[in-house]
C-alpha atoms as a PDB file:
ATOM      1  CA  MET A   1     182.997 101.073 100.505  1.00  0.00           C
ATOM      2  CA  THR A   2     182.724 101.563  96.902  1.00  0.00           C
ATOM      3  CA  LYS A   3     185.544  99.988  94.638  1.00  0.00           C
ATOM      4  CA  VAL A   4     186.772 102.345  91.812  1.00  0.00           C
ATOM      5  CA  PHE A   5     188.958 101.385  88.987  1.00  0.00           C
ATOM      6  CA  ILE A   6     190.149 104.327  86.750  1.00  0.00           C
ATOM      7  CA  ASP A   7     191.155 102.701  83.239  1.00  0.00           C
ATOM      8  CA  GLY A   8     193.452 105.506  82.118  1.00  0.00           C
ATOM      9  CA  ASN A   9     194.456 106.942  85.243  1.00  0.00           C
ATOM     10  CA  GLN A  10     197.523 108.555  83.791  1.00  0.00           C
ATOM     11  CA  GLY A  11     195.572 110.983  81.383  1.00  0.00           C
ATOM     12  CA  THR A  12     194.261 114.274  82.251  1.00  0.00           C
ATOM     13  CA  THR A  13     190.744 113.065  82.929  1.00  0.00           C
ATOM     14  CA  GLY A  14     191.882 110.066  84.981  1.00  0.00           C
ATOM     15  CA  LEU A  15     194.200 112.068  86.974  1.00  0.00           C
ATOM     16  CA  LYS A  16     191.497 114.920  87.969  1.00  0.00           C
ATOM     17  CA  ILE A  17     189.047 112.052  88.855  1.00  0.00           C
ATOM     18  CA  TYR A  18     191.522 110.458  91.005  1.00  0.00           C
ATOM     19  CA  GLU A  19     192.139 114.227  92.528  1.00  0.00           C
ATOM     20  CA  ARG A  20     188.491 114.439  93.245  1.00  0.00           C
ATOM     21  CA  PHE A  21     188.593 111.116  95.334  1.00  0.00           C
ATOM     22  CA  LYS A  22     191.480 112.111  97.688  1.00  0.00           C
ATOM     23  CA  ASP A  23     189.412 113.126 100.787  1.00  0.00           C
ATOM     24  CA  ARG A  24     186.601 110.784 100.277  1.00  0.00           C
ATOM     25  CA  SER A  25     186.387 107.842 102.932  1.00  0.00           C
ATOM     26  CA  ASP A  26     183.667 106.002 101.083  1.00  0.00           C
ATOM     27  CA  ILE A  27     186.146 105.037  98.090  1.00  0.00           C
ATOM     28  CA  GLU A  28     188.534 102.553  97.544  1.00  0.00           C
ATOM     29  CA  ILE A  29     190.651 103.109  94.575  1.00  0.00           C
ATOM     30  CA  LEU A  30     191.867 100.028  92.666  1.00  0.00           C
ATOM     31  CA  ASN A  31     195.277 100.763  91.444  1.00  0.00           C
ATOM     32  CA  ILE A  32     196.558  98.689  88.661  1.00  0.00           C
ATOM     33  CA  PRO A  33     200.281  98.326  88.473  1.00  0.00           C
ATOM     34  CA  ASP A  34     202.070 100.821  86.056  1.00  0.00           C
ATOM     35  CA  ALA A  35     203.585  97.769  84.265  1.00  0.00           C
ATOM     36  CA  LEU A  36     199.802  96.140  83.560  1.00  0.00           C
ATOM     37  CA  ARG A  37     198.103  99.431  82.652  1.00  0.00           C
ATOM     38  CA  LYS A  38     197.849  98.059  79.111  1.00  0.00           C
ATOM     39  CA  ASP A  39     197.574  94.560  79.916  1.00  0.00           C
ATOM     40  CA  THR A  40     194.185  93.387  78.666  1.00  0.00           C
ATOM     41  CA  GLU A  41     193.796  90.479  81.317  1.00  0.00           C
ATOM     42  CA  ALA A  42     194.982  92.547  84.193  1.00  0.00           C
ATOM     43  CA  ARG A  43     192.329  95.212  82.882  1.00  0.00           C
ATOM     44  CA  ARG A  44     189.768  92.600  82.669  1.00  0.00           C
ATOM     45  CA  GLU A  45     190.248  91.573  86.257  1.00  0.00           C
ATOM     46  CA  PHE A  46     190.244  94.907  87.834  1.00  0.00           C
ATOM     47  CA  ILE A  47     187.157  96.089  85.798  1.00  0.00           C
ATOM     48  CA  ASN A  48     185.245  93.190  87.012  1.00  0.00           C
ATOM     49  CA  LYS A  49     186.088  93.222  90.796  1.00  0.00           C
ATOM     50  CA  SER A  50     185.078  97.074  90.572  1.00  0.00           C
ATOM     51  CA  ASP A  51     181.746  98.507  91.595  1.00  0.00           C
ATOM     52  CA  VAL A  52     182.548 101.503  89.290  1.00  0.00           C
ATOM     53  CA  THR A  53     184.902 101.761  86.502  1.00  0.00           C
ATOM     54  CA  PHE A  54     185.829 104.994  84.595  1.00  0.00           C
ATOM     55  CA  LEU A  55     187.097 104.765  81.041  1.00  0.00           C
ATOM     56  CA  CYS A  56     189.578 107.559  80.621  1.00  0.00           C
ATOM     57  CA  LEU A  57     190.789 106.211  77.107  1.00  0.00           C
ATOM     58  CA  PRO A  58     190.992 106.782  73.448  1.00  0.00           C
ATOM     59  CA  ASP A  59     187.928 105.662  71.684  1.00  0.00           C
ATOM     60  CA  ASP A  60     188.750 102.298  70.554  1.00  0.00           C
ATOM     61  CA  ALA A  61     190.370 101.338  74.105  1.00  0.00           C
ATOM     62  CA  ALA A  62     187.265 102.325  75.514  1.00  0.00           C
ATOM     63  CA  ARG A  63     185.103  99.990  73.425  1.00  0.00           C
ATOM     64  CA  GLU A  64     187.500  97.163  74.083  1.00  0.00           C
ATOM     65  CA  ALA A  65     187.256  97.852  77.798  1.00  0.00           C
ATOM     66  CA  VAL A  66     183.403  97.485  77.631  1.00  0.00           C
ATOM     67  CA  THR A  67     183.974  94.046  76.053  1.00  0.00           C
ATOM     68  CA  LEU A  68     186.103  93.000  79.156  1.00  0.00           C
ATOM     69  CA  CYS A  69     183.317  93.436  81.733  1.00  0.00           C
ATOM     70  CA  ASP A  70     181.505  90.251  82.490  1.00  0.00           C
ATOM     71  CA  ASN A  71     179.815  91.705  86.152  1.00  0.00           C
ATOM     72  CA  PRO A  72     176.519  92.832  85.573  1.00  0.00           C
ATOM     73  CA  ASP A  73     176.797  94.779  88.690  1.00  0.00           C
ATOM     74  CA  THR A  74     179.816  96.842  87.521  1.00  0.00           C
ATOM     75  CA  VAL A  75     178.720 100.419  86.592  1.00  0.00           C
ATOM     76  CA  ILE A  76     181.036 101.688  83.745  1.00  0.00           C
ATOM     77  CA  ILE A  77     181.408 105.505  83.198  1.00  0.00           C
ATOM     78  CA  ASP A  78     182.861 106.338  79.788  1.00  0.00           C
ATOM     79  CA  ALA A  79     184.681 109.710  79.362  1.00  0.00           C
ATOM     80  CA  SER A  80     185.694 109.104  75.839  1.00  0.00           C
ATOM     81  CA  THR A  81     183.535 109.691  72.582  1.00  0.00           C
ATOM     82  CA  ALA A  82     182.910 106.150  71.931  1.00  0.00           C
ATOM     83  CA  HIS A  83     179.387 105.678  73.521  1.00  0.00           C
ATOM     84  CA  ARG A  84     177.771 109.071  73.617  1.00  0.00           C
ATOM     85  CA  THR A  85     175.469 108.118  70.877  1.00  0.00           C
ATOM     86  CA  VAL A  86     174.950 104.594  71.241  1.00  0.00           C
ATOM     87  CA  GLU A  87     171.583 102.973  72.170  1.00  0.00           C
ATOM     88  CA  GLY A  88     171.537 101.509  75.719  1.00  0.00           C
ATOM     89  CA  TRP A  89     173.964 104.135  77.406  1.00  0.00           C
ATOM     90  CA  ALA A  90     172.712 107.069  79.367  1.00  0.00           C
ATOM     91  CA  TYR A  91     173.762 110.326  78.488  1.00  0.00           C
ATOM     92  CA  GLY A  92     175.661 111.721  81.583  1.00  0.00           C
ATOM     93  CA  PHE A  93     174.046 115.293  82.010  1.00  0.00           C
ATOM     94  CA  PRO A  94     171.381 114.771  84.519  1.00  0.00           C
ATOM     95  CA  GLU A  95     170.247 118.482  84.510  1.00  0.00           C
ATOM     96  CA  LEU A  96     168.859 118.113  80.901  1.00  0.00           C
ATOM     97  CA  SER A  97     165.621 116.293  82.098  1.00  0.00           C
ATOM     98  CA  ALA A  98     164.105 114.133  84.591  1.00  0.00           C
ATOM     99  CA  GLU A  99     164.655 111.046  82.164  1.00  0.00           C
ATOM    100  CA  HIS A 100     168.275 111.688  81.738  1.00  0.00           C
ATOM    101  CA  ARG A 101     168.653 111.659  85.428  1.00  0.00           C
ATOM    102  CA  ARG A 102     166.623 108.576  85.692  1.00  0.00           C
ATOM    103  CA  ARG A 103     168.634 106.690  83.034  1.00  0.00           C
ATOM    104  CA  ILE A 104     171.777 107.797  84.973  1.00  0.00           C
ATOM    105  CA  GLU A 105     170.350 106.417  88.479  1.00  0.00           C
ATOM    106  CA  THR A 106     169.304 103.222  87.046  1.00  0.00           C
ATOM    107  CA  GLY A 107     171.867 102.455  84.264  1.00  0.00           C
ATOM    108  CA  LYS A 108     175.028 100.299  84.201  1.00  0.00           C
ATOM    109  CA  HIS A 109     176.763 102.041  81.129  1.00  0.00           C
ATOM    110  CA  ILE A 110     176.776 106.027  81.305  1.00  0.00           C
ATOM    111  CA  ALA A 111     178.574 108.297  78.782  1.00  0.00           C
ATOM    112  CA  THR A 112     179.545 111.605  79.870  1.00  0.00           C
ATOM    113  CA  PRO A 113     179.406 114.614  77.571  1.00  0.00           C
ATOM    114  CA  GLY A 114     182.155 116.153  75.527  1.00  0.00           C
ATOM    115  CA  CYS A 115     183.288 119.471  77.129  1.00  0.00           C
ATOM    116  CA  HIS A 116     182.335 121.374  74.171  1.00  0.00           C
ATOM    117  CA  ALA A 117     179.127 119.388  73.633  1.00  0.00           C
ATOM    118  CA  GLY A 118     178.160 119.778  77.233  1.00  0.00           C
ATOM    119  CA  GLY A 119     178.251 123.596  76.958  1.00  0.00           C
ATOM    120  CA  PHE A 120     176.718 123.710  73.758  1.00  0.00           C
ATOM    121  CA  LEU A 121     173.912 121.067  74.974  1.00  0.00           C
ATOM    122  CA  SER A 122     173.257 123.197  78.095  1.00  0.00           C
ATOM    123  CA  LEU A 123     172.100 125.951  76.186  1.00  0.00           C
ATOM    124  CA  LEU A 124     170.502 124.180  73.192  1.00  0.00           C
ATOM    125  CA  TYR A 125     168.815 121.021  74.771  1.00  0.00           C
ATOM    126  CA  PRO A 126     166.244 123.420  76.824  1.00  0.00           C
ATOM    127  CA  LEU A 127     165.132 125.084  73.721  1.00  0.00           C
ATOM    128  CA  THR A 128     164.846 122.269  71.414  1.00  0.00           C
ATOM    129  CA  SER A 129     163.123 119.935  74.126  1.00  0.00           C
ATOM    130  CA  LYS A 130     160.439 122.796  74.599  1.00  0.00           C
ATOM    131  CA  GLU A 131     160.284 123.455  70.735  1.00  0.00           C
ATOM    132  CA  ILE A 132     161.324 127.093  71.010  1.00  0.00           C
ATOM    133  CA  VAL A 133     164.338 126.505  68.549  1.00  0.00           C
ATOM    134  CA  ALA A 134     163.288 124.235  65.364  1.00  0.00           C
ATOM    135  CA  PRO A 135     165.276 121.333  64.926  1.00  0.00           C
ATOM    136  CA  ASP A 136     166.424 122.777  61.556  1.00  0.00           C
ATOM    137  CA  TYR A 137     167.374 126.024  62.853  1.00  0.00           C
ATOM    138  CA  PRO A 138     170.908 127.448  61.412  1.00  0.00           C
ATOM    139  CA  LEU A 139     172.607 127.252  64.470  1.00  0.00           C
ATOM    140  CA  VAL A 140     176.163 128.880  64.858  1.00  0.00           C
ATOM    141  CA  CYS A 141     178.256 128.185  67.941  1.00  0.00           C
ATOM    142  CA  TYR A 142     181.691 129.175  68.997  1.00  0.00           C
ATOM    143  CA  SER A 143     183.563 127.882  71.978  1.00  0.00           C
ATOM    144  CA  LEU A 144     186.804 129.049  73.687  1.00  0.00           C
ATOM    145  CA  THR A 145     188.805 126.619  75.741  1.00  0.00           C
ATOM    146  CA  GLY A 146     191.920 126.457  77.726  1.00  0.00           C
ATOM    147  CA  TYR A 147     194.736 124.213  76.425  1.00  0.00           C
ATOM    148  CA  SER A 148     194.404 121.463  79.089  1.00  0.00           C
ATOM    149  CA  GLY A 149     191.303 119.806  77.112  1.00  0.00           C
ATOM    150  CA  GLY A 150     193.898 118.814  74.314  1.00  0.00           C
ATOM    151  CA  GLY A 151     195.418 116.144  76.873  1.00  0.00           C
ATOM    152  CA  LYS A 152     198.908 115.762  77.716  1.00  0.00           C
ATOM    153  CA  LYS A 153     200.371 116.299  74.199  1.00  0.00           C
ATOM    154  CA  MET A 154     198.665 119.702  73.824  1.00  0.00           C
ATOM    155  CA  ILE A 155     199.550 120.427  77.628  1.00  0.00           C
ATOM    156  CA  GLY A 156     203.432 119.830  76.856  1.00  0.00           C
ATOM    157  CA  GLU A 157     203.234 122.025  73.641  1.00  0.00           C
ATOM    158  CA  TYR A 158     201.774 124.884  75.414  1.00  0.00           C
ATOM    159  CA  GLU A 159     204.053 124.451  78.569  1.00  0.00           C
ATOM    160  CA  GLY A 160     207.167 123.696  77.013  1.00  0.00           C
ATOM    161  CA  GLU A 161     210.301 125.808  77.142  1.00  0.00           C
ATOM    162  CA  ASP A 162     210.698 126.262  73.380  1.00  0.00           C
ATOM    163  CA  ARG A 163     207.422 126.174  72.365  1.00  0.00           C
ATOM    164  CA  ASP A 164     206.053 127.765  68.831  1.00  0.00           C
ATOM    165  CA  VAL A 165     205.332 131.482  68.841  1.00  0.00           C
ATOM    166  CA  LEU A 166     201.834 130.755  67.205  1.00  0.00           C
ATOM    167  CA  LEU A 167     200.653 129.133  70.623  1.00  0.00           C
ATOM    168  CA  ASP A 168     200.712 132.713  71.785  1.00  0.00           C
ATOM    169  CA  SER A 169     197.715 133.514  69.828  1.00  0.00           C
ATOM    170  CA  PRO A 170     193.936 132.070  70.088  1.00  0.00           C
ATOM    171  CA  ARG A 171     193.679 129.132  67.542  1.00  0.00           C
ATOM    172  CA  GLN A 172     190.534 128.058  65.928  1.00  0.00           C
ATOM    173  CA  TYR A 173     190.275 124.417  64.718  1.00  0.00           C
ATOM    174  CA  GLY A 174     187.639 122.019  63.498  1.00  0.00           C
ATOM    175  CA  ILE A 175     187.953 123.640  60.222  1.00  0.00           C
ATOM    176  CA  THR A 176     186.155 121.186  58.195  1.00  0.00           C
ATOM    177  CA  GLN A 177     183.447 121.428  60.418  1.00  0.00           C
ATOM    178  CA  ASN A 178     183.463 117.669  61.337  1.00  0.00           C
ATOM    179  CA  HIS A 179     184.396 118.259  64.948  1.00  0.00           C
ATOM    180  CA  LYS A 180     183.824 114.941  66.858  1.00  0.00           C
ATOM    181  CA  HIS A 181     181.198 116.523  69.446  1.00  0.00           C
ATOM    182  CA  LEU A 182     179.015 117.545  66.528  1.00  0.00           C
ATOM    183  CA  LYS A 183     177.552 114.081  65.964  1.00  0.00           C
ATOM    184  CA  GLU A 184     176.824 114.072  69.839  1.00  0.00           C
ATOM    185  CA  VAL A 185     175.226 117.424  69.873  1.00  0.00           C
ATOM    186  CA  LYS A 186     172.827 116.773  66.704  1.00  0.00           C
ATOM    187  CA  HIS A 187     171.911 113.246  68.386  1.00  0.00           C
ATOM    188  CA  VAL A 188     171.036 114.520  72.024  1.00  0.00           C
ATOM    189  CA  ALA A 189     169.496 117.701  70.777  1.00  0.00           C
ATOM    190  CA  GLY A 190     167.367 116.052  67.969  1.00  0.00           C
ATOM    191  CA  LEU A 191     168.752 118.483  65.193  1.00  0.00           C
ATOM    192  CA  THR A 192     168.090 117.830  61.443  1.00  0.00           C
ATOM    193  CA  ARG A 193     170.575 120.276  60.383  1.00  0.00           C
ATOM    194  CA  ALA A 194     174.272 120.181  61.717  1.00  0.00           C
ATOM    195  CA  PRO A 195     175.353 123.547  63.453  1.00  0.00           C
ATOM    196  CA  ILE A 196     178.250 125.557  62.301  1.00  0.00           C
ATOM    197  CA  PHE A 197     180.591 125.053  65.120  1.00  0.00           C
ATOM    198  CA  ALA A 198     183.787 126.958  65.711  1.00  0.00           C
ATOM    199  CA  PRO A 199     186.112 125.698  68.700  1.00  0.00           C
ATOM    200  CA  ILE A 200     188.972 127.884  69.574  1.00  0.00           C
ATOM    201  CA  VAL A 201     191.691 126.902  71.970  1.00  0.00           C
ATOM    202  CA  SER A 202     193.669 129.784  73.654  1.00  0.00           C
ATOM    203  CA  ASP A 203     196.743 130.158  75.913  1.00  0.00           C
ATOM    204  CA  TYR A 204     195.564 129.368  79.251  1.00  0.00           C
ATOM    205  CA  ALA A 205     195.165 126.117  81.214  1.00  0.00           C
ATOM    206  CA  GLN A 206     191.449 125.611  82.267  1.00  0.00           C
ATOM    207  CA  GLY A 207     187.987 127.150  81.576  1.00  0.00           C
ATOM    208  CA  MET A 208     185.577 127.104  78.903  1.00  0.00           C
ATOM    209  CA  GLU A 209     183.083 129.585  77.381  1.00  0.00           C
ATOM    210  CA  VAL A 210     180.612 128.464  74.857  1.00  0.00           C
ATOM    211  CA  SER A 211     178.426 130.849  73.175  1.00  0.00           C
ATOM    212  CA  LEU A 212     174.931 130.412  71.115  1.00  0.00           C
ATOM    213  CA  PRO A 213     173.521 133.655  69.377  1.00  0.00           C
ATOM    214  CA  LEU A 214     169.939 133.515  68.355  1.00  0.00           C
ATOM    215  CA  TYR A 215     167.630 135.625  66.345  1.00  0.00           C
ATOM    216  CA  THR A 216     164.281 136.077  68.395  1.00  0.00           C
ATOM    217  CA  ASP A 217     162.106 136.395  65.277  1.00  0.00           C
ATOM    218  CA  MET A 218     163.258 132.552  64.762  1.00  0.00           C
ATOM    219  CA  LEU A 219     162.063 131.347  68.013  1.00  0.00           C
ATOM    220  CA  SER A 220     158.904 130.245  69.168  1.00  0.00           C
ATOM    221  CA  GLY A 221     157.234 131.555  72.366  1.00  0.00           C
ATOM    222  CA  ILE A 222     160.299 133.947  73.361  1.00  0.00           C
ATOM    223  CA  SER A 223     160.836 137.403  72.245  1.00  0.00           C
ATOM    224  CA  SER A 224     163.002 139.107  74.623  1.00  0.00           C
ATOM    225  CA  VAL A 225     166.206 138.793  76.881  1.00  0.00           C
ATOM    226  CA  LYS A 226     164.201 138.901  79.957  1.00  0.00           C
ATOM    227  CA  GLU A 227     161.768 136.203  78.807  1.00  0.00           C
ATOM    228  CA  MET A 228     164.684 133.762  77.733  1.00  0.00           C
ATOM    229  CA  HIS A 229     166.232 134.690  81.239  1.00  0.00           C
ATOM    230  CA  GLU A 230     163.197 133.623  82.966  1.00  0.00           C
ATOM    231  CA  PHE A 231     162.995 130.131  80.774  1.00  0.00           C
ATOM    232  CA  PHE A 232     166.513 129.141  81.525  1.00  0.00           C
ATOM    233  CA  SER A 233     165.930 130.176  85.325  1.00  0.00           C
ATOM    234  CA  ASP A 234     162.729 128.212  85.427  1.00  0.00           C
ATOM    235  CA  PHE A 235     164.621 125.159  83.593  1.00  0.00           C
ATOM    236  CA  TYR A 236     167.457 124.734  85.851  1.00  0.00           C
ATOM    237  CA  ALA A 237     165.673 125.621  89.242  1.00  0.00           C
ATOM    238  CA  GLY A 238     166.992 123.560  91.989  1.00  0.00           C
ATOM    239  CA  GLN A 239     169.934 122.156  90.089  1.00  0.00           C
ATOM    240  CA  ASN A 240     172.877 121.791  92.440  1.00  0.00           C
ATOM    241  CA  MET A 241     175.595 121.799  89.348  1.00  0.00           C
ATOM    242  CA  VAL A 242     174.149 124.169  86.835  1.00  0.00           C
ATOM    243  CA  LYS A 243     173.387 127.630  87.945  1.00  0.00           C
ATOM    244  CA  VAL A 244     171.814 130.624  85.873  1.00  0.00           C
ATOM    245  CA  LEU A 245     173.632 133.936  86.547  1.00  0.00           C
ATOM    246  CA  PRO A 246     171.680 137.192  87.222  1.00  0.00           C
ATOM    247  CA  LEU A 247     170.379 139.053  84.165  1.00  0.00           C
ATOM    248  CA  ASP A 248     172.693 141.890  84.618  1.00  0.00           C
ATOM    249  CA  GLU A 249     175.868 139.856  85.639  1.00  0.00           C
ATOM    250  CA  TYR A 250     178.071 140.874  82.469  1.00  0.00           C
ATOM    251  CA  ALA A 251     176.042 144.094  81.397  1.00  0.00           C
ATOM    252  CA  GLY A 252     178.541 146.083  79.440  1.00  0.00           C
ATOM    253  CA  GLY A 253     181.739 144.183  80.526  1.00  0.00           C
ATOM    254  CA  PHE A 254     183.505 141.220  79.387  1.00  0.00           C
ATOM    255  CA  ILE A 255     183.107 137.469  80.132  1.00  0.00           C
ATOM    256  CA  ALA A 256     186.399 135.484  81.062  1.00  0.00           C
ATOM    257  CA  SER A 257     186.409 132.085  79.950  1.00  0.00           C
ATOM    258  CA  ASN A 258     188.559 130.882  82.968  1.00  0.00           C
ATOM    259  CA  LYS A 259     186.504 132.619  85.598  1.00  0.00           C
ATOM    260  CA  TYR A 260     185.292 129.295  87.105  1.00  0.00           C
ATOM    261  CA  ALA A 261     188.513 127.169  86.718  1.00  0.00           C
ATOM    262  CA  ASN A 262     188.685 124.494  89.357  1.00  0.00           C
ATOM    263  CA  ASP A 263     184.941 124.881  89.977  1.00  0.00           C
ATOM    264  CA  ASN A 264     182.735 121.820  89.305  1.00  0.00           C
ATOM    265  CA  ARG A 265     179.530 123.894  88.479  1.00  0.00           C
ATOM    266  CA  MET A 266     178.344 125.219  85.021  1.00  0.00           C
ATOM    267  CA  TYR A 267     176.849 128.910  84.952  1.00  0.00           C
ATOM    268  CA  ILE A 268     174.360 129.921  82.214  1.00  0.00           C
ATOM    269  CA  PHE A 269     174.486 133.623  81.101  1.00  0.00           C
ATOM    270  CA  VAL A 270     171.491 135.191  79.085  1.00  0.00           C
ATOM    271  CA  GLY A 271     172.552 138.630  77.215  1.00  0.00           C
ATOM    272  CA  GLY A 272     172.253 140.343  73.880  1.00  0.00           C
ATOM    273  CA  ASN A 273     169.245 142.181  73.129  1.00  0.00           C
ATOM    274  CA  ASP A 274     165.542 141.739  72.045  1.00  0.00           C
ATOM    275  CA  GLU A 275     166.545 141.261  68.603  1.00  0.00           C
ATOM    276  CA  ARG A 276     169.721 139.096  69.195  1.00  0.00           C
ATOM    277  CA  ILE A 277     170.029 136.963  72.241  1.00  0.00           C
ATOM    278  CA  LEU A 278     173.233 135.855  73.364  1.00  0.00           C
ATOM    279  CA  LEU A 279     173.518 132.603  75.549  1.00  0.00           C
ATOM    280  CA  CYS A 280     176.911 131.741  77.216  1.00  0.00           C
ATOM    281  CA  SER A 281     177.823 128.600  79.195  1.00  0.00           C
ATOM    282  CA  ILE A 282     180.814 129.054  81.356  1.00  0.00           C
ATOM    283  CA  PHE A 283     182.591 126.298  83.131  1.00  0.00           C
ATOM    284  CA  ASP A 284     186.037 124.484  83.938  1.00  0.00           C
ATOM    285  CA  ASN A 285     186.479 122.168  80.856  1.00  0.00           C
ATOM    286  CA  LEU A 286     188.234 119.684  83.230  1.00  0.00           C
ATOM    287  CA  GLY A 287     185.289 119.957  85.869  1.00  0.00           C
ATOM    288  CA  LYS A 288     181.864 119.899  84.667  1.00  0.00           C
ATOM    289  CA  GLY A 289     183.358 119.537  81.257  1.00  0.00           C
ATOM    290  CA  ALA A 290     185.115 116.102  82.166  1.00  0.00           C
ATOM    291  CA  SER A 291     185.965 114.714  85.546  1.00  0.00           C
ATOM    292  CA  GLY A 292     183.531 116.471  87.525  1.00  0.00           C
ATOM    293  CA  ALA A 293     180.879 115.344  85.314  1.00  0.00           C
ATOM    294  CA  ALA A 294     182.223 111.970  85.755  1.00  0.00           C
ATOM    295  CA  VAL A 295     182.210 111.831  89.596  1.00  0.00           C
ATOM    296  CA  GLN A 296     178.673 113.512  89.624  1.00  0.00           C
ATOM    297  CA  CYS A 297     177.399 110.629  87.527  1.00  0.00           C
ATOM    298  CA  MET A 298     178.823 108.079  89.820  1.00  0.00           C
ATOM    299  CA  ASN A 299     177.273 109.728  92.668  1.00  0.00           C
ATOM    300  CA  ILE A 300     173.939 109.619  91.172  1.00  0.00           C
ATOM    301  CA  SER A 301     174.289 106.193  90.360  1.00  0.00           C
ATOM    302  CA  LEU A 302     175.530 105.095  93.892  1.00  0.00           C
ATOM    303  CA  GLY A 303     172.486 106.926  95.199  1.00  0.00           C
ATOM    304  CA  ILE A 304     174.273 109.656  97.308  1.00  0.00           C
ATOM    305  CA  ASP A 305     174.478 113.507  97.073  1.00  0.00           C
ATOM    306  CA  GLU A 306     175.461 114.207  93.586  1.00  0.00           C
ATOM    307  CA  THR A 307     177.729 116.999  95.096  1.00  0.00           C
ATOM    308  CA  THR A 308     179.816 114.748  96.995  1.00  0.00           C
ATOM    309  CA  GLY A 309     183.486 115.481  96.402  1.00  0.00           C
ATOM    310  CA  LEU A 310     182.474 118.154  94.094  1.00  0.00           C
ATOM    311  CA  VAL A 311     181.605 121.150  96.072  1.00  0.00           C
END
């Protein structure tokens, strides 16, 4: 029986992780009393007696939690931004490469991707790792997400009775081009030029659609939509949690960003034309974009089927 502690179990990600364990008989949840959720010594005790601790906390609290762990056998899976670019931490996106998966399998410190960053990197990393996209390519990416990714405060704003009428409209943010996920994307993909990134939050609860347009004359080795689709199909062949959609899946139609809400998989679409290719990653921002990714990493770390409790 694997003992699991969720530090920050009342936040959106923590609650969703807990939800994914409800039918599992191989997991024992260590429940800290509500009155002690912010008590440092109580958290230290629960972290150290767990086999796996999930950190669903603000960045500073996540950094503090790591210092409380004295048990060398405890696996820490951090869902915050705090450790995604820190040396010694495995980046929790196993589909990116065999080395990413190996580090999750063998490491004790795992940082799961941010939701926007995970979608962006699912499209970009395959291309930069194979030198199809140069590290200084002038990238532009836009990402449409449901409001649940903003946590309890934003959920409360959107679901409140007397909410602001401006919430009826999609809202772009990250206006200063300093969104916290950019550092992560640049680091993991090996970029030398920061992308222009335009995140947008809209009036629906769950689901995310990350889009990356590319000019074929600025790519190396790929010059058509068909070739790009074949590349991604080969790159993600055999993966359980990332699937490449058929080439004509959305031909002439619309891509709904909430289509895969409550699905733990991520879906890659290749569209556009032979001059301008459009790549899209479509998934649940609370699934593969957060709690689903965290549970997948735990399964891999434990050496069990990565889809356990997820599909």
